[in-house]
Amino acid sequence: MAKPWISDWRPDDPAFWRERGRKVARRNLVFSIFAEHLGFTLWTVWSIVAVQLGSYEFSTDQLFWIVALPNLVGSALRIPYTFAPARFGGRNFTVVSALLLLVPAVLLAIAVGDPATPYWMFLVIAATAGLGGGNFASSMANITYFYPQDRQGAALGLNAAGGNIGVSSVQLVMPLVIGAFGLAAAGLFWIPFVLAAAIGAYFFMDNLTSAKASPADQLKVAGRAQTWIMSVLYIGTFGSFIGYSTAFPLLIKSQFPEQASLVGLAFIGPLLGSMIRPVGGWLSDRLGGARVTLFNFAAMAGAAALVWQGLSQHVFALFFCAYMLLVATTGIGNGSTYRMIPAIFRAKAVAGIAPGTDAHEAAAAVGKRDASAAIGIISAIGAFGGFFINRGFGSSIAATGGAGAALASFAAFYVVCAVITWACYLRTAGSVPSLAAARV
């Protein structure tokens, strides 16, 4: 028997939230995090598998292509994935998207199980891991509807962090699993967890009628300037997180071959970036997302310069610590930029409408729906940063033997992002009027 959709959902009503809303929202958040976490593990599993492909004699640049392709495919899938919860229901689509993770898990085992598997087949099979990357957009778009405006920063931060930490999980667990059971286990290991996530979503998550919207209505946000401005900023935050996290094992192995035994420490970076992400949302709830984002981009540029110094001086300790700082700042930026999105679209929707009126409440609902749609587009465009970073490292190493040129380009981009943040959301003259009064 199909589970009924929830038609009465008013999270911004304090009484409703206290008596009913909080419990339902938390239950959906827990199972959303579980499914999204597995999406990230399958999405990024090749960051560890690629390091173990020594017997295939692929070049460093070829290996970076294997790691980069899941990022490319996952980024593209985020656009349709973000519209799916509103079309099919958050619970329903979480079940489907979880079961689709069986595809990359099984195909990975097939690829590494045959020593004659050609390089092009590795590329095709690695690309299917992009199915896990789409889960983030659908999960975040869905959870947006469950929480009131003043709690979305923390809720979205926890949801995203629970998913992001999947990068760390795979980099911590997979070397142990591969060492004990062989390379094929890197795919097969996740199958029972994927099935558990699908079953949990089916029985414990909910569909909201208030989240219903047609793709055509949702795509209207693609015509908003704010959608594209935030997409650029998200390339700098989340794109950097996923790019640096997946590139780290190969970067250690290629730039510090004498320290190859320390590749197992790579999990610390994405763990740190994931755990600190809610802090970015928490700070933004109190200080404003734009302020936090501005200072964070400045810190990212400085951290990238320090990583460059560690590589140029060939000092592993400096390189490793600077890299940890860099990934940590991407985590803070992930939280702060995601907090900006609902604030921006709500401010635009209710501009000029008297608070406390029915018209204001209706406009706020439209703003929440627009923010949910924008999240998918922004997360899709932003995730392409993971592809660019891996390809940047691969191309830089192939052309110069080192990653310095790539890091210099990344640092320059963060400076550009800081300027955009200031000009669009903090500068008094010329800033968007309806956003100036909002804690963006």
Protein backbone atom coordinates (compact mmCIF):
# COMPACT_ATOMS: atom_id res chain seq x y z
CA MET A 1 0.00 0.00 0.00
CA ALA A 2 1.41 3.38 -1.03
CA LYS A 3 2.33 5.75 1.79
CA PRO A 4 0.08 8.86 1.68
CA TRP A 5 1.58 12.23 0.87
CA ILE A 6 1.63 14.85 3.66
CA SER A 7 -0.70 17.68 2.61
CA ASP A 8 -0.60 19.82 5.77
CA TRP A 9 2.95 21.06 6.16
CA ARG A 10 3.67 24.44 7.83
CA PRO A 11 7.24 24.39 9.22
CA ASP A 12 7.34 28.19 9.68
CA ASP A 13 4.38 27.99 12.07
CA PRO A 14 6.01 27.70 15.55
CA ALA A 15 3.16 25.65 17.03
CA PHE A 16 3.05 23.24 14.11
CA TRP A 17 6.83 22.87 14.16
CA ARG A 18 6.92 22.18 17.89
CA GLU A 19 4.03 19.71 17.94
CA ARG A 20 4.60 17.79 14.72
CA GLY A 21 6.99 19.29 12.23
CA ARG A 22 10.30 18.83 14.08
CA LYS A 23 9.88 15.08 14.53
CA VAL A 24 8.93 14.44 10.90
CA ALA A 25 11.68 16.69 9.57
CA ARG A 26 14.36 15.01 11.67
CA ARG A 27 13.28 11.53 10.58
CA ASN A 28 13.47 12.53 6.92
CA LEU A 29 16.82 14.23 7.48
CA VAL A 30 18.35 11.10 9.04
CA PHE A 31 17.43 8.79 6.17
CA SER A 32 18.25 11.45 3.60
CA ILE A 33 21.75 11.70 5.05
CA PHE A 34 22.20 7.91 4.95
CA ALA A 35 21.24 7.66 1.26
CA GLU A 36 23.22 10.74 0.30
CA HIS A 37 26.27 9.47 2.18
CA LEU A 38 26.26 6.31 0.08
CA GLY A 39 25.86 8.42 -3.05
CA PHE A 40 29.09 10.22 -2.21
CA THR A 41 30.95 6.99 -1.45
CA LEU A 42 30.12 5.48 -4.85
CA TRP A 43 30.68 8.82 -6.57
CA THR A 44 34.22 9.14 -5.23
CA VAL A 45 35.31 5.51 -4.84
CA TRP A 46 37.53 5.81 -7.92
CA SER A 47 39.75 8.32 -6.08
CA ILE A 48 41.09 5.31 -4.16
CA VAL A 49 40.69 2.65 -6.84
CA ALA A 50 42.73 4.71 -9.33
CA VAL A 51 45.70 4.67 -6.97
CA GLN A 52 45.53 0.85 -6.93
CA LEU A 53 45.66 0.43 -10.73
CA GLY A 54 49.45 0.20 -10.96
CA SER A 55 49.36 -3.10 -12.84
CA TYR A 56 47.54 -1.42 -15.74
CA GLU A 57 50.44 1.03 -16.32
CA PHE A 58 48.25 4.08 -16.90
CA SER A 59 49.91 7.51 -16.84
CA THR A 60 49.18 10.02 -14.06
CA ASP A 61 47.17 12.12 -16.49
CA GLN A 62 45.11 9.07 -17.51
CA LEU A 63 44.41 8.28 -13.86
CA PHE A 64 43.26 11.85 -13.25
CA TRP A 65 40.82 11.38 -16.14
CA ILE A 66 39.38 8.29 -14.41
CA VAL A 67 38.94 10.28 -11.20
CA ALA A 68 37.54 13.33 -13.01
CA LEU A 69 34.85 11.67 -15.13
CA PRO A 70 32.51 10.75 -12.24
CA ASN A 71 32.60 14.44 -11.25
CA LEU A 72 31.64 15.49 -14.77
CA VAL A 73 28.73 13.03 -15.06
CA GLY A 74 27.53 13.62 -11.51
CA SER A 75 27.47 17.37 -12.11
CA ALA A 76 25.30 17.00 -15.20
CA LEU A 77 22.89 14.60 -13.46
CA ARG A 78 22.26 17.05 -10.66
CA ILE A 79 19.97 19.14 -12.85
CA PRO A 80 17.35 16.43 -13.50
CA TYR A 81 17.88 15.03 -10.00
CA THR A 82 16.97 18.31 -8.35
CA PHE A 83 13.60 18.44 -10.12
CA ALA A 84 12.75 14.82 -9.37
CA PRO A 85 11.62 15.19 -5.70
CA ALA A 86 9.07 17.85 -6.65
CA ARG A 87 7.85 15.72 -9.55
CA PHE A 88 7.83 12.25 -7.97
CA GLY A 89 8.09 12.93 -4.22
CA GLY A 90 11.17 13.12 -2.00
CA ARG A 91 10.64 9.69 -0.48
CA ASN A 92 9.92 8.03 -3.80
CA PHE A 93 12.92 9.44 -5.57
CA THR A 94 15.28 8.71 -2.67
CA VAL A 95 14.38 5.02 -3.02
CA VAL A 96 15.03 5.05 -6.78
CA SER A 97 18.25 7.07 -6.61
CA ALA A 98 19.61 4.77 -3.89
CA LEU A 99 18.93 1.63 -5.94
CA LEU A 100 20.67 3.17 -8.97
CA LEU A 101 23.90 3.10 -6.95
CA LEU A 102 24.00 -0.65 -7.54
CA VAL A 103 25.07 0.10 -11.15
CA PRO A 104 28.49 1.65 -10.41
CA ALA A 105 29.08 -0.76 -7.53
CA VAL A 106 28.64 -3.88 -9.67
CA LEU A 107 30.40 -2.49 -12.76
CA LEU A 108 33.46 -1.48 -10.73
CA ALA A 109 33.87 -5.07 -9.58
CA ILE A 110 33.59 -6.24 -13.19
CA ALA A 111 36.17 -3.73 -14.45
CA VAL A 112 38.92 -4.53 -11.95
CA GLY A 113 38.19 -8.25 -12.04
CA ASP A 114 39.68 -8.60 -15.53
CA PRO A 115 43.36 -7.66 -16.07
CA ALA A 116 42.60 -7.21 -19.78
CA THR A 117 40.02 -4.46 -19.22
CA PRO A 118 40.96 -1.65 -21.66
CA TYR A 119 41.43 1.97 -20.60
CA TRP A 120 38.32 3.17 -22.47
CA MET A 121 36.21 0.67 -20.52
CA PHE A 122 37.58 2.01 -17.25
CA LEU A 123 36.50 5.49 -18.36
CA VAL A 124 32.97 4.32 -19.21
CA ILE A 125 32.53 2.40 -15.96
CA ALA A 126 34.03 5.18 -13.84
CA ALA A 127 31.55 7.57 -15.47
CA THR A 128 28.62 5.54 -14.08
CA ALA A 129 29.80 6.50 -10.60
CA GLY A 130 28.38 9.91 -11.46
CA LEU A 131 24.97 8.48 -10.50
CA GLY A 132 26.06 8.99 -6.90
CA GLY A 133 26.84 12.64 -7.53
CA GLY A 134 23.28 13.41 -8.53
CA ASN A 135 21.95 12.29 -5.14
CA PHE A 136 23.21 15.43 -3.44
CA ALA A 137 20.97 17.75 -5.48
CA SER A 138 17.78 15.74 -4.95
CA SER A 139 18.49 15.32 -1.25
CA MET A 140 19.20 19.00 -0.62
CA ALA A 141 16.24 20.17 -2.71
CA ASN A 142 13.96 17.83 -0.78
CA ILE A 143 15.17 18.73 2.73
CA THR A 144 14.73 22.44 2.00
CA TYR A 145 10.94 21.95 2.21
CA PHE A 146 11.01 20.25 5.60
CA TYR A 147 12.64 23.01 7.68
CA PRO A 148 11.62 26.56 8.62
CA GLN A 149 13.58 29.46 7.20
CA ASP A 150 15.59 30.19 10.35
CA ARG A 151 16.75 26.55 10.67
CA GLN A 152 17.63 25.81 7.08
CA GLY A 153 21.29 26.79 7.43
CA ALA A 154 21.95 24.17 10.09
CA ALA A 155 19.68 21.53 8.52
CA LEU A 156 21.13 21.86 5.04
CA GLY A 157 24.61 21.96 6.55
CA LEU A 158 24.04 18.68 8.41
CA ASN A 159 22.47 17.05 5.37
CA ALA A 160 25.35 18.10 3.15
CA ALA A 161 28.00 17.21 5.71
CA GLY A 162 26.53 13.75 6.13
CA GLY A 163 26.83 13.28 2.40
CA ASN A 164 30.21 14.93 2.03
CA ILE A 165 31.70 12.72 4.70
CA GLY A 166 31.13 9.82 2.32
CA VAL A 167 34.30 10.95 0.53
CA SER A 168 36.22 10.49 3.75
CA SER A 169 34.54 7.15 4.48
CA VAL A 170 35.50 5.68 1.15
CA GLN A 171 39.10 6.87 1.46
CA LEU A 172 39.39 5.48 4.98
CA VAL A 173 37.59 2.16 4.54
CA MET A 174 38.46 1.15 0.98
CA PRO A 175 42.22 0.66 1.45
CA LEU A 176 41.43 -1.76 4.29
CA VAL A 177 38.72 -3.56 2.32
CA ILE A 178 40.87 -3.80 -0.81
CA GLY A 179 43.81 -5.06 1.23
CA ALA A 180 41.70 -7.79 2.80
CA PHE A 181 39.45 -8.87 -0.07
CA GLY A 182 40.91 -7.54 -3.31
CA LEU A 183 40.13 -4.62 -5.61
CA ALA A 184 36.71 -5.94 -6.70
CA ALA A 185 35.48 -5.52 -3.12
CA ALA A 186 35.68 -1.75 -3.60
CA GLY A 187 32.36 -2.08 -5.45
CA LEU A 188 30.74 -5.14 -3.89
CA PHE A 189 31.25 -3.89 -0.33
CA TRP A 190 28.58 -1.19 -0.72
CA ILE A 191 25.73 -3.35 -2.05
CA PRO A 192 24.12 -4.29 1.31
CA PHE A 193 24.33 -0.67 2.50
CA VAL A 194 22.66 0.57 -0.69
CA LEU A 195 19.81 -1.89 -0.20
CA ALA A 196 19.44 -0.81 3.44
CA ALA A 197 19.25 2.86 2.40
CA ALA A 198 16.54 2.16 -0.17
CA ILE A 199 14.48 0.13 2.33
CA GLY A 200 14.90 2.80 5.04
CA ALA A 201 13.80 5.57 2.70
CA TYR A 202 10.76 3.56 1.62
CA PHE A 203 9.49 3.00 5.16
CA PHE A 204 10.59 6.14 7.01
CA MET A 205 10.68 9.10 4.61
CA ASP A 206 7.74 11.20 3.39
CA ASN A 207 6.43 12.98 0.30
CA LEU A 208 5.12 16.55 0.67
CA THR A 209 2.35 17.92 -1.52
CA SER A 210 3.67 21.44 -0.80
CA ALA A 211 6.86 20.47 -2.65
CA LYS A 212 4.96 19.66 -5.83
CA ALA A 213 6.07 21.68 -8.87
CA SER A 214 6.42 21.09 -12.59
CA PRO A 215 9.91 21.07 -14.12
CA ALA A 216 8.85 23.95 -16.37
CA ASP A 217 7.99 26.09 -13.33
CA GLN A 218 11.20 25.13 -11.59
CA LEU A 219 13.35 25.86 -14.63
CA LYS A 220 12.21 29.47 -14.53
CA VAL A 221 14.92 30.11 -11.94
CA ALA A 222 17.49 29.47 -14.69
CA GLY A 223 16.58 32.92 -15.98
CA ARG A 224 17.47 34.62 -12.70
CA ALA A 225 20.82 36.35 -12.41
CA GLN A 226 21.12 35.22 -8.78
CA THR A 227 21.08 31.57 -9.86
CA TRP A 228 24.15 32.04 -12.04
CA ILE A 229 26.02 34.27 -9.60
CA MET A 230 25.62 31.66 -6.88
CA SER A 231 26.61 28.91 -9.34
CA VAL A 232 29.96 30.60 -9.87
CA LEU A 233 30.50 30.92 -6.12
CA TYR A 234 29.56 27.28 -5.61
CA ILE A 235 32.16 26.21 -8.16
CA GLY A 236 34.64 27.82 -5.79
CA THR A 237 33.30 26.11 -2.65
CA PHE A 238 31.73 22.72 -3.29
CA GLY A 239 33.53 22.23 -6.61
CA SER A 240 36.77 22.78 -4.77
CA PHE A 241 35.80 20.41 -1.97
CA ILE A 242 35.00 17.50 -4.23
CA GLY A 243 37.92 18.26 -6.55
CA TYR A 244 40.58 18.52 -3.84
CA SER A 245 39.18 15.53 -1.96
CA THR A 246 39.21 13.17 -4.94
CA ALA A 247 42.54 14.45 -6.27
CA PHE A 248 44.40 14.14 -2.97
CA PRO A 249 45.44 10.44 -3.11
CA LEU A 250 46.80 10.74 -6.67
CA LEU A 251 48.47 14.04 -5.86
CA ILE A 252 50.35 12.46 -2.94
CA LYS A 253 51.39 9.46 -5.01
CA SER A 254 52.56 11.50 -8.01
CA GLN A 255 54.23 14.45 -6.25
CA PHE A 256 55.63 12.64 -3.19
CA PRO A 257 56.26 9.06 -4.40
CA GLU A 258 58.56 8.49 -1.43
CA GLN A 259 55.53 9.13 0.82
CA ALA A 260 53.16 6.83 -1.09
CA SER A 261 52.57 4.81 2.05
CA LEU A 262 50.82 7.88 3.51
CA VAL A 263 48.08 7.90 0.88
CA GLY A 264 45.93 6.28 3.56
CA LEU A 265 45.88 9.64 5.36
CA ALA A 266 44.01 11.25 2.47
CA PHE A 267 40.68 10.63 4.21
CA ILE A 268 41.49 13.32 6.80
CA GLY A 269 40.96 16.11 4.26
CA PRO A 270 37.38 15.33 3.21
CA LEU A 271 36.54 14.34 6.81
CA LEU A 272 37.65 17.76 8.02
CA GLY A 273 35.87 19.55 5.18
CA SER A 274 32.67 17.61 5.83
CA MET A 275 32.65 18.01 9.60
CA ILE A 276 33.25 21.74 9.42
CA ARG A 277 30.56 22.38 6.80
CA PRO A 278 27.76 22.85 9.37
CA VAL A 279 29.94 25.51 11.01
CA GLY A 280 29.71 27.51 7.79
CA GLY A 281 25.91 27.28 7.94
CA TRP A 282 25.85 28.09 11.66
CA LEU A 283 28.07 31.16 11.24
CA SER A 284 25.94 32.29 8.32
CA ASP A 285 22.73 32.02 10.35
CA ARG A 286 24.29 34.53 12.76
CA LEU A 287 26.62 36.71 10.69
CA GLY A 288 25.15 36.42 7.21
CA GLY A 289 26.25 34.03 4.48
CA ALA A 290 27.78 36.71 2.26
CA ARG A 291 30.16 37.97 4.95
CA VAL A 292 31.30 34.48 5.83
CA THR A 293 31.71 33.61 2.15
CA LEU A 294 33.76 36.71 1.39
CA PHE A 295 36.34 36.13 4.11
CA ASN A 296 36.39 32.42 3.39
CA PHE A 297 37.35 32.93 -0.26
CA ALA A 298 40.25 35.10 0.88
CA ALA A 299 41.35 32.27 3.19
CA MET A 300 41.05 29.75 0.35
CA ALA A 301 43.33 31.80 -1.89
CA GLY A 302 45.92 31.97 0.89
CA ALA A 303 45.67 28.22 1.58
CA ALA A 304 46.15 27.40 -2.11
CA ALA A 305 49.31 29.52 -2.09
CA LEU A 306 50.60 27.58 0.93
CA VAL A 307 49.95 24.25 -0.84
CA TRP A 308 51.93 25.60 -3.78
CA GLN A 309 54.81 26.42 -1.44
CA GLY A 310 54.76 22.93 0.03
CA LEU A 311 54.98 21.39 -3.44
CA SER A 312 57.65 23.76 -4.77
CA GLN A 313 59.84 23.22 -1.68
CA HIS A 314 58.98 19.51 -1.68
CA VAL A 315 58.17 19.61 2.04
CA PHE A 316 55.48 17.02 2.68
CA ALA A 317 54.53 18.34 6.13
CA LEU A 318 53.88 21.84 4.78
CA PHE A 319 52.02 20.46 1.78
CA PHE A 320 49.83 18.19 3.91
CA CYS A 321 48.94 20.79 6.56
CA ALA A 322 48.22 23.46 3.94
CA TYR A 323 46.05 21.01 2.02
CA MET A 324 44.09 20.27 5.20
CA LEU A 325 43.53 24.01 5.66
CA LEU A 326 42.44 24.36 2.05
CA VAL A 327 39.87 21.54 2.26
CA ALA A 328 38.60 22.88 5.60
CA THR A 329 37.93 26.29 4.06
CA THR A 330 36.02 24.66 1.22
CA GLY A 331 33.79 23.05 3.86
CA ILE A 332 33.04 26.37 5.55
CA GLY A 333 32.33 27.91 2.14
CA ASN A 334 29.96 25.06 1.29
CA GLY A 335 27.87 25.85 4.34
CA SER A 336 27.88 29.61 3.88
CA THR A 337 27.00 29.63 0.17
CA TYR A 338 24.19 27.12 0.68
CA ARG A 339 22.79 29.30 3.45
CA MET A 340 22.75 32.25 1.05
CA ILE A 341 20.52 30.54 -1.53
CA PRO A 342 17.22 30.30 0.41
CA ALA A 343 17.81 33.75 1.93
CA ILE A 344 18.32 35.30 -1.51
CA PHE A 345 15.23 33.78 -3.12
CA ARG A 346 13.03 34.46 -0.11
CA ALA A 347 14.16 38.11 -0.03
CA LYS A 348 13.43 38.49 -3.73
CA ALA A 349 10.00 36.85 -3.41
CA VAL A 350 8.73 38.92 -0.45
CA ALA A 351 10.28 42.25 -1.45
CA GLY A 352 7.72 45.03 -1.01
CA ILE A 353 5.09 42.80 0.63
CA ALA A 354 3.97 43.60 4.18
CA PRO A 355 5.02 40.89 6.69
CA GLY A 356 2.27 38.95 8.46
CA THR A 357 -0.13 39.05 5.53
CA ASP A 358 -1.46 36.15 3.48
CA ALA A 359 0.30 37.61 0.46
CA HIS A 360 3.59 37.59 2.33
CA GLU A 361 3.13 33.95 3.35
CA ALA A 362 2.26 32.95 -0.22
CA ALA A 363 5.27 34.83 -1.58
CA ALA A 364 7.54 33.17 0.97
CA ALA A 365 6.30 29.75 -0.20
CA VAL A 366 7.14 30.71 -3.77
CA GLY A 367 10.58 31.82 -2.63
CA LYS A 368 11.16 28.48 -0.93
CA ARG A 369 10.09 26.62 -4.07
CA ASP A 370 12.37 28.79 -6.22
CA ALA A 371 15.26 28.22 -3.82
CA SER A 372 14.77 24.46 -4.02
CA ALA A 373 14.90 24.58 -7.82
CA ALA A 374 17.88 26.91 -7.79
CA ILE A 375 19.75 24.60 -5.43
CA GLY A 376 19.73 21.91 -8.10
CA ILE A 377 21.06 24.15 -10.84
CA ILE A 378 23.63 25.76 -8.54
CA SER A 379 24.82 22.42 -7.17
CA ALA A 380 25.07 21.03 -10.71
CA ILE A 381 27.13 23.92 -12.05
CA GLY A 382 29.18 24.10 -8.87
CA ALA A 383 30.07 20.42 -8.95
CA PHE A 384 31.77 20.88 -12.31
CA GLY A 385 34.55 22.43 -10.24
CA GLY A 386 35.49 18.92 -9.14
CA PHE A 387 36.10 17.97 -12.76
CA PHE A 388 38.07 21.14 -13.48
CA ILE A 389 40.34 20.68 -10.46
CA ASN A 390 41.21 17.09 -11.31
CA ARG A 391 41.80 17.98 -14.93
CA GLY A 392 43.77 21.04 -13.85
CA PHE A 393 46.10 18.90 -11.76
CA GLY A 394 46.39 16.26 -14.49
CA SER A 395 47.14 18.76 -17.25
CA SER A 396 49.57 20.74 -15.10
CA ILE A 397 51.51 17.61 -14.13
CA ALA A 398 51.55 16.37 -17.74
CA ALA A 399 52.81 19.73 -19.05
CA THR A 400 55.21 20.85 -16.30
CA GLY A 401 55.74 17.84 -14.04
CA GLY A 402 54.13 19.66 -11.12
CA ALA A 403 50.81 21.07 -9.88
CA GLY A 404 51.99 24.66 -9.31
CA ALA A 405 50.33 26.12 -12.41
CA ALA A 406 46.99 24.59 -11.45
CA LEU A 407 47.15 25.91 -7.89
CA ALA A 408 48.00 29.42 -9.09
CA SER A 409 44.93 29.37 -11.33
CA PHE A 410 42.74 28.12 -8.48
CA ALA A 411 43.95 30.87 -6.13
CA ALA A 412 43.25 33.55 -8.75
CA PHE A 413 39.73 32.20 -9.20
CA TYR A 414 39.04 32.47 -5.45
CA VAL A 415 40.04 36.13 -5.55
CA VAL A 416 37.53 36.65 -8.38
CA CYS A 417 34.84 34.88 -6.30
CA ALA A 418 35.56 37.15 -3.32
CA VAL A 419 35.13 40.21 -5.51
CA ILE A 420 31.82 38.87 -6.89
CA THR A 421 30.53 38.20 -3.37
CA TRP A 422 31.36 41.71 -2.24
CA ALA A 423 30.00 43.41 -5.35
CA CYS A 424 26.70 41.52 -5.48
CA TYR A 425 25.79 41.00 -1.84
CA LEU A 426 27.78 43.31 0.44
CA ARG A 427 28.46 46.55 -1.43
CA THR A 428 25.84 49.15 -0.44
CA ALA A 429 25.83 51.01 -3.72
CA GLY A 430 24.77 48.80 -6.59
CA SER A 431 23.81 45.77 -4.53
CA VAL A 432 20.43 44.16 -5.11
CA PRO A 433 17.99 46.33 -3.08
CA SER A 434 15.76 43.48 -1.95
CA LEU A 435 18.76 41.59 -0.63
CA ALA A 436 20.42 44.44 1.17
CA ALA A 437 18.12 44.15 4.18
CA ALA A 438 18.22 40.37 4.27
CA ARG A 439 20.84 38.40 6.16
CA VAL A 440 22.22 36.86 3.00
